[in-house]
């Protein structure tokens, strides 16, 4: 299956200096540079792409957190997937876009 899915990722890094947002920003940078459609929300970032591509981004985002000084990272992931059809951010939240 290579259709489009949605994946929400919440990265919760443990950092000694307490500068959690700076480390989360590094994870978001990975998503921004990936080229996939995404939406940053207050508690998580939602991405749209293939299952394989999005899991690769999840791995790269965690590595970016470690490179930015995280001692460990707790990652929460939600996936919406269909066997024969795409899943889009637009279908869920498009009516709320301004």
Protein backbone atom coordinates (compact mmCIF):
# COMPACT_ATOMS: atom_id res chain seq x y z
CA UNK A 1 0.00 0.00 0.00
CA UNK A 2 1.47 3.31 -1.03
CA UNK A 3 -1.53 5.54 -0.55
CA UNK A 4 -1.51 8.67 1.58
CA UNK A 5 -1.99 8.39 5.33
CA UNK A 6 -2.08 10.84 8.23
CA UNK A 7 0.38 10.53 11.09
CA UNK A 8 0.35 12.74 14.17
CA UNK A 9 3.56 12.95 16.17
CA UNK A 10 4.10 14.40 19.61
CA UNK A 11 7.74 14.62 20.70
CA UNK A 12 8.44 15.00 24.42
CA UNK A 13 12.19 15.35 24.93
CA UNK A 14 13.90 15.15 28.31
CA UNK A 15 16.53 17.89 28.46
CA UNK A 16 18.81 18.92 31.33
CA UNK A 17 18.62 22.66 30.72
CA UNK A 18 14.81 22.69 30.53
CA UNK A 19 14.83 24.19 27.04
CA UNK A 20 12.28 21.69 25.72
CA UNK A 21 10.80 23.92 23.01
CA UNK A 22 14.19 24.42 21.32
CA UNK A 23 14.56 20.65 20.99
CA UNK A 24 10.99 20.22 19.75
CA UNK A 25 11.76 22.91 17.15
CA UNK A 26 14.55 20.68 15.80
CA UNK A 27 12.06 17.85 15.30
CA UNK A 28 9.71 20.22 13.49
CA UNK A 29 12.58 21.38 11.26
CA UNK A 30 13.01 17.77 10.11
CA UNK A 31 9.34 17.68 9.16
CA UNK A 32 9.54 21.04 7.39
CA UNK A 33 12.54 19.95 5.32
CA UNK A 34 10.97 16.59 4.41
CA UNK A 35 8.65 18.06 1.79
CA UNK A 36 5.50 16.36 3.12
CA UNK A 37 2.34 18.27 3.85
CA UNK A 38 2.08 19.01 7.57
CA UNK A 39 0.27 21.09 10.15
CA UNK A 40 1.87 22.15 13.45
CA UNK A 41 -0.65 22.17 16.30
CA UNK A 42 -0.15 23.10 19.98
CA UNK A 43 0.27 19.49 21.16
CA UNK A 44 1.37 17.59 18.05
CA UNK A 45 2.24 17.90 14.39
CA UNK A 46 0.14 16.12 11.77
CA UNK A 47 1.78 14.93 8.56
CA UNK A 48 0.42 13.60 5.29
CA UNK A 49 2.34 11.14 3.11
CA UNK A 50 3.09 7.48 2.59
CA UNK A 51 3.41 5.20 5.60
CA UNK A 52 7.06 4.46 4.85
CA UNK A 53 8.03 8.11 4.35
CA UNK A 54 6.31 9.29 7.51
CA UNK A 55 7.93 6.59 9.66
CA UNK A 56 11.29 7.63 8.24
CA UNK A 57 10.56 11.22 9.30
CA UNK A 58 9.59 10.02 12.80
CA UNK A 59 12.99 8.33 13.11
CA UNK A 60 14.86 11.39 11.79
CA UNK A 61 12.94 13.69 14.16
CA UNK A 62 14.01 11.63 17.15
CA UNK A 63 17.64 11.69 15.99
CA UNK A 64 17.43 15.48 15.65
CA UNK A 65 16.23 15.69 19.25
CA UNK A 66 19.19 13.66 20.46
CA UNK A 67 21.59 15.80 18.41
CA UNK A 68 20.02 18.88 20.04
CA UNK A 69 20.80 17.54 23.52
CA UNK A 70 17.82 15.43 24.55
CA UNK A 71 18.73 12.69 27.01
CA UNK A 72 15.70 10.68 25.96
CA UNK A 73 12.59 11.21 23.89
CA UNK A 74 9.04 10.04 24.48
CA UNK A 75 7.14 9.93 21.18
CA UNK A 76 3.39 9.57 20.82
CA UNK A 77 2.14 8.63 17.37
CA UNK A 78 -1.37 8.39 15.92
CA UNK A 79 -1.94 6.93 12.47
CA UNK A 80 -5.01 6.98 10.25
CA UNK A 81 -4.74 4.61 7.30
CA UNK A 82 -7.08 3.03 4.74
CA UNK A 83 -6.32 -0.05 2.64
CA UNK A 84 -7.51 1.34 -0.70
CA UNK A 85 -7.91 5.09 -0.32
CA UNK A 86 -5.99 8.17 0.73
CA UNK A 87 -6.41 9.93 4.05
CA UNK A 88 -5.93 13.70 3.99
CA UNK A 89 -5.66 16.49 6.50
CA UNK A 90 -8.04 18.51 4.33
CA UNK A 91 -10.92 16.05 4.70
CA UNK A 92 -10.82 16.38 8.48
CA UNK A 93 -10.05 20.04 9.04
CA UNK A 94 -10.37 21.84 5.70
CA UNK A 95 -13.71 23.33 6.62
CA UNK A 96 -12.00 25.18 9.48
CA UNK A 97 -9.24 26.77 7.38
CA UNK A 98 -9.52 30.51 6.92
